[in-house]
N, C-alpha and C. Protein backbone atom coordinates (compact mmCIF):
# COMPACT_ATOMS: atom_id res chain seq x y z
N MET A 1 22.49 8.96 -3.34
CA MET A 1 22.00 9.83 -2.31
C MET A 1 20.53 9.56 -2.02
N ARG A 2 19.73 9.38 -3.10
CA ARG A 2 18.31 9.13 -2.93
C ARG A 2 18.07 7.82 -2.18
N ASN A 3 18.87 6.77 -2.50
CA ASN A 3 18.74 5.49 -1.80
C ASN A 3 19.09 5.63 -0.34
N LEU A 4 20.06 6.48 -0.01
CA LEU A 4 20.43 6.71 1.37
C LEU A 4 19.28 7.36 2.13
N VAL A 5 18.63 8.34 1.53
CA VAL A 5 17.51 9.02 2.16
C VAL A 5 16.36 8.04 2.39
N ILE A 6 16.04 7.24 1.38
CA ILE A 6 14.96 6.27 1.51
C ILE A 6 15.32 5.23 2.58
N GLY A 7 16.56 4.77 2.57
CA GLY A 7 16.99 3.80 3.58
C GLY A 7 16.89 4.36 4.98
N CYS A 8 17.27 5.61 5.17
CA CYS A 8 17.17 6.25 6.48
C CYS A 8 15.71 6.40 6.91
N ALA A 9 14.84 6.75 5.96
CA ALA A 9 13.42 6.90 6.28
C ALA A 9 12.82 5.57 6.72
N VAL A 10 13.15 4.50 6.02
CA VAL A 10 12.64 3.17 6.40
C VAL A 10 13.20 2.76 7.76
N ALA A 11 14.49 3.00 7.99
CA ALA A 11 15.10 2.67 9.28
C ALA A 11 14.43 3.44 10.41
N ALA A 12 14.11 4.70 10.17
CA ALA A 12 13.44 5.51 11.19
C ALA A 12 12.04 4.96 11.48
N LEU A 13 11.32 4.55 10.44
CA LEU A 13 10.00 3.95 10.65
C LEU A 13 10.07 2.71 11.51
N VAL A 14 11.03 1.86 11.23
CA VAL A 14 11.19 0.62 12.00
C VAL A 14 11.58 0.95 13.44
N ALA A 15 12.51 1.87 13.63
CA ALA A 15 12.98 2.21 14.97
C ALA A 15 11.88 2.84 15.81
N LEU A 16 11.00 3.61 15.20
CA LEU A 16 9.95 4.29 15.94
C LEU A 16 8.68 3.46 16.11
N SER A 17 8.60 2.33 15.45
CA SER A 17 7.39 1.51 15.54
C SER A 17 7.36 0.77 16.87
N VAL A 18 6.13 0.55 17.35
CA VAL A 18 5.93 -0.16 18.60
C VAL A 18 6.36 -1.61 18.45
N ARG A 19 7.11 -2.13 19.41
CA ARG A 19 7.57 -3.51 19.40
C ARG A 19 8.26 -3.87 18.09
N SER A 20 9.10 -3.00 17.59
CA SER A 20 9.73 -3.22 16.29
C SER A 20 10.54 -4.51 16.24
N GLU A 21 11.08 -4.95 17.40
CA GLU A 21 11.87 -6.17 17.38
C GLU A 21 11.02 -7.41 17.13
N ALA A 22 9.72 -7.31 17.34
CA ALA A 22 8.84 -8.47 17.15
C ALA A 22 8.18 -8.46 15.77
N ARG A 23 8.43 -7.44 14.98
CA ARG A 23 7.77 -7.33 13.68
C ARG A 23 8.61 -7.94 12.57
N SER A 24 7.92 -8.45 11.58
CA SER A 24 8.59 -8.93 10.38
C SER A 24 8.93 -7.72 9.52
N PRO A 25 9.69 -7.89 8.43
CA PRO A 25 9.99 -6.75 7.56
C PRO A 25 8.74 -6.08 7.01
N GLU A 26 7.68 -6.84 6.88
CA GLU A 26 6.43 -6.28 6.40
C GLU A 26 5.72 -5.64 7.58
N MET A 27 5.52 -4.32 7.54
CA MET A 27 4.91 -3.62 8.66
C MET A 27 3.48 -4.11 8.85
N LYS A 28 2.98 -3.99 10.07
CA LYS A 28 1.67 -4.49 10.41
C LYS A 28 0.60 -3.40 10.36
N MET A 29 -0.66 -3.82 10.22
CA MET A 29 -1.77 -2.89 10.25
C MET A 29 -1.94 -2.40 11.68
N LEU A 30 -2.20 -1.13 11.83
CA LEU A 30 -2.42 -0.54 13.13
C LEU A 30 -3.81 0.06 13.17
N LYS A 31 -4.50 -0.10 14.29
CA LYS A 31 -5.83 0.45 14.45
C LYS A 31 -5.74 1.62 15.42
N ALA A 32 -6.09 2.80 14.96
CA ALA A 32 -6.06 3.97 15.82
C ALA A 32 -7.34 4.02 16.62
N SER A 33 -7.25 4.49 17.86
CA SER A 33 -8.45 4.59 18.68
C SER A 33 -9.05 5.98 18.47
N SER A 34 -10.19 6.02 17.83
CA SER A 34 -10.92 7.26 17.59
C SER A 34 -12.36 6.91 17.28
N ALA A 35 -13.19 7.91 17.17
CA ALA A 35 -14.61 7.67 16.89
C ALA A 35 -14.77 6.95 15.55
N SER A 36 -14.04 7.37 14.54
CA SER A 36 -14.07 6.67 13.27
C SER A 36 -12.79 5.85 13.16
N THR A 37 -12.93 4.56 12.96
CA THR A 37 -11.79 3.66 12.92
C THR A 37 -10.93 3.93 11.70
N VAL A 38 -9.62 4.07 11.92
CA VAL A 38 -8.68 4.31 10.84
C VAL A 38 -7.62 3.21 10.90
N TYR A 39 -7.38 2.57 9.79
CA TYR A 39 -6.34 1.57 9.71
C TYR A 39 -5.17 2.17 8.94
N SER A 40 -3.96 1.97 9.46
CA SER A 40 -2.76 2.44 8.79
C SER A 40 -1.79 1.29 8.66
N GLN A 41 -0.99 1.33 7.62
CA GLN A 41 0.07 0.36 7.41
C GLN A 41 1.27 1.12 6.89
N PHE A 42 2.43 0.80 7.43
CA PHE A 42 3.67 1.43 7.00
C PHE A 42 4.55 0.38 6.34
N GLY A 43 5.27 0.78 5.32
CA GLY A 43 6.18 -0.13 4.65
C GLY A 43 6.74 0.49 3.39
N VAL A 44 7.23 -0.35 2.50
CA VAL A 44 7.86 0.10 1.27
C VAL A 44 6.95 -0.23 0.08
N ALA A 45 6.78 0.77 -0.80
CA ALA A 45 5.99 0.58 -2.02
C ALA A 45 6.91 0.56 -3.23
N SER A 46 6.47 -0.16 -4.25
CA SER A 46 7.16 -0.19 -5.56
C SER A 46 6.09 0.11 -6.61
N TRP A 47 6.50 0.13 -7.88
CA TRP A 47 5.52 0.37 -8.93
C TRP A 47 5.71 -0.61 -10.08
N TYR A 48 4.64 -0.79 -10.85
CA TYR A 48 4.69 -1.63 -12.04
C TYR A 48 3.93 -0.95 -13.16
N GLY A 49 4.29 -1.26 -14.40
CA GLY A 49 3.68 -0.52 -15.50
C GLY A 49 3.69 -1.21 -16.83
N PRO A 50 4.57 -0.76 -17.76
CA PRO A 50 4.52 -1.21 -19.16
C PRO A 50 4.53 -2.73 -19.34
N GLU A 51 5.27 -3.44 -18.49
CA GLU A 51 5.35 -4.90 -18.64
C GLU A 51 4.02 -5.60 -18.37
N CYS A 52 3.09 -4.92 -17.68
CA CYS A 52 1.80 -5.53 -17.35
C CYS A 52 0.63 -4.88 -18.09
N GLN A 53 0.90 -3.86 -18.90
CA GLN A 53 -0.15 -3.12 -19.60
C GLN A 53 -1.07 -4.07 -20.36
N GLY A 54 -2.36 -3.98 -20.08
CA GLY A 54 -3.36 -4.79 -20.77
C GLY A 54 -3.59 -6.17 -20.17
N ASN A 55 -2.75 -6.60 -19.22
CA ASN A 55 -2.97 -7.90 -18.57
C ASN A 55 -4.17 -7.80 -17.64
N GLN A 56 -4.80 -8.94 -17.39
CA GLN A 56 -5.94 -8.98 -16.49
C GLN A 56 -5.45 -8.92 -15.05
N THR A 57 -6.08 -8.07 -14.23
CA THR A 57 -5.74 -7.97 -12.81
C THR A 57 -6.58 -8.98 -12.03
N ALA A 58 -6.31 -9.11 -10.73
CA ALA A 58 -7.06 -10.03 -9.88
C ALA A 58 -8.54 -9.66 -9.82
N SER A 59 -8.87 -8.39 -10.03
CA SER A 59 -10.27 -7.95 -10.00
C SER A 59 -11.00 -8.28 -11.30
N GLY A 60 -10.25 -8.66 -12.34
CA GLY A 60 -10.84 -8.94 -13.64
C GLY A 60 -10.69 -7.80 -14.62
N ALA A 61 -10.37 -6.61 -14.12
CA ALA A 61 -10.16 -5.45 -15.00
C ALA A 61 -8.82 -5.59 -15.70
N LEU A 62 -8.70 -4.95 -16.86
CA LEU A 62 -7.42 -4.93 -17.55
C LEU A 62 -6.53 -3.87 -16.91
N PHE A 63 -5.26 -4.20 -16.71
CA PHE A 63 -4.33 -3.27 -16.08
C PHE A 63 -4.07 -2.08 -17.00
N ASN A 64 -4.16 -0.89 -16.42
CA ASN A 64 -3.86 0.35 -17.12
C ASN A 64 -2.75 1.03 -16.34
N GLU A 65 -1.57 1.14 -16.91
CA GLU A 65 -0.41 1.69 -16.21
C GLU A 65 -0.60 3.14 -15.78
N ASN A 66 -1.56 3.85 -16.36
CA ASN A 66 -1.80 5.25 -16.02
C ASN A 66 -2.96 5.45 -15.04
N ALA A 67 -3.68 4.38 -14.71
CA ALA A 67 -4.80 4.48 -13.78
C ALA A 67 -4.28 4.63 -12.35
N LEU A 68 -5.12 5.10 -11.47
CA LEU A 68 -4.75 5.26 -10.06
C LEU A 68 -5.18 4.02 -9.29
N THR A 69 -4.42 2.94 -9.52
CA THR A 69 -4.72 1.65 -8.91
C THR A 69 -3.47 1.08 -8.25
N CYS A 70 -3.69 -0.01 -7.50
CA CYS A 70 -2.56 -0.63 -6.81
C CYS A 70 -2.85 -2.11 -6.53
N ALA A 71 -1.80 -2.79 -6.09
CA ALA A 71 -1.89 -4.20 -5.71
C ALA A 71 -1.51 -4.32 -4.24
N HIS A 72 -2.33 -5.05 -3.48
CA HIS A 72 -2.09 -5.29 -2.06
C HIS A 72 -2.40 -6.76 -1.80
N ARG A 73 -1.66 -7.39 -0.89
CA ARG A 73 -1.83 -8.82 -0.65
C ARG A 73 -3.14 -9.17 0.04
N GLU A 74 -3.62 -8.34 0.95
CA GLU A 74 -4.74 -8.73 1.82
C GLU A 74 -6.00 -7.90 1.70
N LEU A 75 -5.90 -6.64 1.38
CA LEU A 75 -7.09 -5.80 1.35
C LEU A 75 -8.06 -6.29 0.29
N PRO A 76 -9.36 -6.22 0.59
CA PRO A 76 -10.35 -6.66 -0.39
C PRO A 76 -10.24 -5.84 -1.68
N LEU A 77 -10.43 -6.50 -2.81
CA LEU A 77 -10.41 -5.81 -4.09
C LEU A 77 -11.52 -4.76 -4.09
N GLY A 78 -11.20 -3.56 -4.57
CA GLY A 78 -12.15 -2.47 -4.56
C GLY A 78 -11.99 -1.52 -3.39
N THR A 79 -11.12 -1.86 -2.44
CA THR A 79 -10.87 -0.99 -1.29
C THR A 79 -10.20 0.30 -1.75
N LYS A 80 -10.65 1.44 -1.24
CA LYS A 80 -10.02 2.73 -1.53
C LYS A 80 -9.06 3.05 -0.39
N ILE A 81 -7.82 3.40 -0.77
CA ILE A 81 -6.80 3.71 0.23
C ILE A 81 -6.15 5.05 -0.08
N LYS A 82 -5.68 5.69 0.98
CA LYS A 82 -4.90 6.92 0.83
C LYS A 82 -3.45 6.53 1.05
N VAL A 83 -2.60 6.80 0.08
CA VAL A 83 -1.18 6.45 0.16
C VAL A 83 -0.38 7.74 0.31
N THR A 84 0.48 7.78 1.32
CA THR A 84 1.35 8.92 1.55
C THR A 84 2.79 8.49 1.34
N ASN A 85 3.49 9.17 0.43
CA ASN A 85 4.91 8.94 0.22
C ASN A 85 5.62 9.66 1.36
N LEU A 86 6.24 8.91 2.27
CA LEU A 86 6.87 9.50 3.45
C LEU A 86 8.16 10.24 3.13
N ALA A 87 8.69 10.07 1.93
CA ALA A 87 9.91 10.77 1.54
C ALA A 87 9.63 12.21 1.10
N ASN A 88 8.42 12.45 0.55
CA ASN A 88 8.11 13.81 0.08
C ASN A 88 6.72 14.30 0.51
N HIS A 89 5.98 13.48 1.25
CA HIS A 89 4.66 13.80 1.82
C HIS A 89 3.56 14.00 0.78
N ARG A 90 3.76 13.53 -0.45
CA ARG A 90 2.68 13.56 -1.44
C ARG A 90 1.69 12.46 -1.11
N THR A 91 0.40 12.75 -1.31
CA THR A 91 -0.64 11.75 -1.04
C THR A 91 -1.50 11.55 -2.28
N LEU A 92 -2.13 10.37 -2.33
CA LEU A 92 -2.96 10.02 -3.47
C LEU A 92 -3.95 8.95 -3.03
N VAL A 93 -5.17 9.01 -3.56
CA VAL A 93 -6.17 7.98 -3.29
C VAL A 93 -6.11 6.96 -4.42
N LEU A 94 -5.96 5.69 -4.05
CA LEU A 94 -5.86 4.59 -5.02
C LEU A 94 -6.93 3.54 -4.73
N LYS A 95 -7.23 2.75 -5.76
CA LYS A 95 -8.17 1.64 -5.62
C LYS A 95 -7.39 0.34 -5.75
N VAL A 96 -7.61 -0.59 -4.81
CA VAL A 96 -6.95 -1.90 -4.86
C VAL A 96 -7.69 -2.75 -5.90
N ASN A 97 -6.96 -3.13 -6.98
CA ASN A 97 -7.60 -3.96 -8.00
C ASN A 97 -6.75 -5.17 -8.38
N ASP A 98 -5.67 -5.40 -7.62
CA ASP A 98 -4.77 -6.51 -7.96
C ASP A 98 -4.12 -7.04 -6.69
N ARG A 99 -3.44 -8.17 -6.82
CA ARG A 99 -2.72 -8.80 -5.71
C ARG A 99 -1.23 -8.64 -5.91
N GLY A 100 -0.53 -8.45 -4.84
CA GLY A 100 0.91 -8.26 -4.87
C GLY A 100 1.28 -7.33 -3.75
N PRO A 101 2.47 -6.91 -3.65
CA PRO A 101 3.63 -7.22 -4.48
C PRO A 101 4.22 -8.58 -4.14
N VAL A 102 5.02 -9.11 -5.05
CA VAL A 102 5.63 -10.43 -4.85
C VAL A 102 6.70 -10.39 -3.75
N PRO A 103 7.64 -9.44 -3.77
CA PRO A 103 8.65 -9.43 -2.69
C PRO A 103 7.99 -9.17 -1.34
N ARG A 104 8.23 -10.01 -0.36
CA ARG A 104 7.60 -9.90 0.95
C ARG A 104 8.05 -8.65 1.70
N SER A 105 9.15 -8.04 1.29
CA SER A 105 9.65 -6.84 1.96
C SER A 105 8.86 -5.59 1.58
N ARG A 106 7.94 -5.71 0.63
CA ARG A 106 7.14 -4.57 0.19
C ARG A 106 5.68 -4.78 0.55
N VAL A 107 4.96 -3.68 0.79
CA VAL A 107 3.56 -3.78 1.17
C VAL A 107 2.59 -3.38 0.07
N LEU A 108 3.09 -2.69 -0.96
CA LEU A 108 2.20 -2.16 -1.98
C LEU A 108 2.92 -2.03 -3.31
N ASP A 109 2.22 -2.35 -4.40
CA ASP A 109 2.66 -2.08 -5.76
C ASP A 109 1.66 -1.09 -6.34
N VAL A 110 2.13 0.04 -6.82
CA VAL A 110 1.22 1.03 -7.41
C VAL A 110 1.44 1.07 -8.91
N SER A 111 0.46 1.57 -9.64
CA SER A 111 0.60 1.73 -11.09
C SER A 111 1.66 2.78 -11.38
N MET A 112 2.17 2.76 -12.61
CA MET A 112 3.18 3.74 -13.00
C MET A 112 2.64 5.17 -12.87
N GLY A 113 1.38 5.37 -13.24
CA GLY A 113 0.77 6.70 -13.12
C GLY A 113 0.72 7.17 -11.68
N ALA A 114 0.42 6.25 -10.76
CA ALA A 114 0.39 6.60 -9.34
C ALA A 114 1.80 6.92 -8.84
N ALA A 115 2.80 6.16 -9.30
CA ALA A 115 4.19 6.40 -8.88
C ALA A 115 4.65 7.78 -9.35
N LYS A 116 4.24 8.18 -10.56
CA LYS A 116 4.58 9.53 -11.06
C LYS A 116 4.00 10.59 -10.14
N ARG A 117 2.71 10.47 -9.81
CA ARG A 117 2.05 11.47 -8.98
C ARG A 117 2.58 11.47 -7.55
N LEU A 118 3.00 10.30 -7.06
CA LEU A 118 3.57 10.22 -5.71
C LEU A 118 5.04 10.62 -5.69
N GLY A 119 5.64 10.77 -6.87
CA GLY A 119 7.00 11.28 -6.97
C GLY A 119 8.11 10.29 -6.70
N PHE A 120 7.90 9.00 -7.03
CA PHE A 120 8.99 8.03 -6.84
C PHE A 120 9.23 7.16 -8.06
N LEU A 121 8.85 7.64 -9.22
CA LEU A 121 9.05 6.88 -10.45
C LEU A 121 10.54 6.59 -10.66
N GLN A 122 11.39 7.58 -10.52
CA GLN A 122 12.83 7.39 -10.72
C GLN A 122 13.44 6.46 -9.67
N ALA A 123 13.06 6.64 -8.41
CA ALA A 123 13.63 5.85 -7.32
C ALA A 123 13.20 4.39 -7.38
N GLY A 124 11.96 4.13 -7.81
CA GLY A 124 11.47 2.76 -7.89
C GLY A 124 10.84 2.25 -6.62
N LEU A 125 11.34 2.67 -5.47
CA LEU A 125 10.83 2.28 -4.16
C LEU A 125 10.70 3.52 -3.29
N THR A 126 9.76 3.48 -2.35
CA THR A 126 9.64 4.58 -1.39
C THR A 126 8.93 4.11 -0.13
N PRO A 127 9.24 4.69 1.02
CA PRO A 127 8.49 4.36 2.24
C PRO A 127 7.12 5.03 2.17
N VAL A 128 6.08 4.30 2.56
CA VAL A 128 4.72 4.82 2.48
C VAL A 128 3.92 4.53 3.74
N ARG A 129 2.84 5.32 3.89
CA ARG A 129 1.80 5.02 4.87
C ARG A 129 0.53 4.78 4.08
N ILE A 130 -0.17 3.70 4.40
CA ILE A 130 -1.42 3.35 3.74
C ILE A 130 -2.54 3.52 4.75
N GLN A 131 -3.58 4.27 4.37
CA GLN A 131 -4.75 4.43 5.23
C GLN A 131 -5.97 3.98 4.46
N ILE A 132 -6.78 3.13 5.07
CA ILE A 132 -7.99 2.64 4.43
C ILE A 132 -9.07 3.70 4.52
N LEU A 133 -9.60 4.09 3.37
CA LEU A 133 -10.68 5.08 3.33
C LEU A 133 -12.04 4.40 3.30
N SER A 134 -12.17 3.35 2.47
CA SER A 134 -13.45 2.64 2.40
C SER A 134 -13.24 1.24 1.85
N PHE A 135 -14.09 0.35 2.34
CA PHE A 135 -14.11 -1.02 1.82
C PHE A 135 -15.19 -1.10 0.75
N PRO A 136 -15.06 -2.05 -0.18
CA PRO A 136 -16.12 -2.21 -1.19
C PRO A 136 -17.39 -2.75 -0.55
N HIS A 137 -18.51 -2.54 -1.24
CA HIS A 137 -19.77 -3.10 -0.76
C HIS A 137 -19.73 -4.61 -0.93
N ALA A 138 -20.31 -5.35 0.02
CA ALA A 138 -20.35 -6.81 -0.09
C ALA A 138 -21.21 -7.20 -1.29
N SER A 139 -20.74 -8.19 -2.02
CA SER A 139 -21.49 -8.70 -3.17
C SER A 139 -21.10 -10.15 -3.37
N GLN A 140 -21.64 -10.76 -4.40
CA GLN A 140 -21.34 -12.15 -4.69
C GLN A 140 -19.85 -12.32 -5.04
N ASN A 141 -19.30 -11.38 -5.79
CA ASN A 141 -17.90 -11.47 -6.19
C ASN A 141 -16.94 -10.91 -5.15
N ASN A 142 -17.42 -10.04 -4.30
CA ASN A 142 -16.59 -9.40 -3.29
C ASN A 142 -17.27 -9.58 -1.93
N PRO A 143 -16.89 -10.59 -1.14
CA PRO A 143 -17.52 -10.79 0.15
C PRO A 143 -17.21 -9.62 1.09
N ALA A 144 -17.83 -9.65 2.26
CA ALA A 144 -17.62 -8.60 3.26
C ALA A 144 -16.13 -8.45 3.57
N PRO A 145 -15.71 -7.25 3.99
CA PRO A 145 -14.30 -7.02 4.29
C PRO A 145 -13.75 -8.03 5.29
N VAL A 146 -12.50 -8.38 5.11
CA VAL A 146 -11.86 -9.37 5.95
C VAL A 146 -11.42 -8.75 7.26
N THR A 147 -11.27 -9.60 8.29
CA THR A 147 -10.68 -9.17 9.54
C THR A 147 -9.19 -9.46 9.44
N PHE A 148 -8.37 -8.45 9.63
CA PHE A 148 -6.94 -8.60 9.47
C PHE A 148 -6.35 -9.42 10.60
N SER A 149 -5.39 -10.27 10.26
CA SER A 149 -4.74 -11.10 11.26
C SER A 149 -3.56 -10.39 11.89
N HIS A 150 -3.30 -9.14 11.45
CA HIS A 150 -2.17 -8.39 11.98
C HIS A 150 -2.45 -7.93 13.40
N SER A 151 -1.39 -7.73 14.17
CA SER A 151 -1.57 -7.19 15.51
C SER A 151 -2.06 -5.76 15.40
N ARG A 152 -2.95 -5.38 16.29
CA ARG A 152 -3.54 -4.05 16.26
C ARG A 152 -3.29 -3.36 17.59
N ILE A 153 -3.21 -2.06 17.53
CA ILE A 153 -3.04 -1.26 18.72
C ILE A 153 -4.33 -0.50 18.94
N ASN A 154 -4.92 -0.62 20.10
CA ASN A 154 -6.19 0.08 20.40
C ASN A 154 -5.93 1.35 21.16
């Protein structure tokens, strides 16, 4: 039953998205037109935990399955994002400290602790909205934020 609900939610997101027939399974970044620029991304999130506990992340930090962190393919390491579980409307602020997820059909991998708080630990996958709250400060190890190659709506 839970998989049916999640499948319906993802199907609804795809059906309601602009130019959905031209999009790949990985949802694209959207730019909202407002005084303060807001970037959103819709797609499916998964979680990772015990199997990676203590491993080094792409940021150099050791992975902590209970920390409020996540892995994203493109966002600069250190970016703060607001993640909304579209199945239950729970939200959480996470820090991007790793690269992933590996399956191209997913947009985000969150820590086990984040999955618990977002309420999808049992399900394993959930439809999400990602909103960028802040980019990291430019430094030698973290250059200025990247310009996304995704199509944007103004």
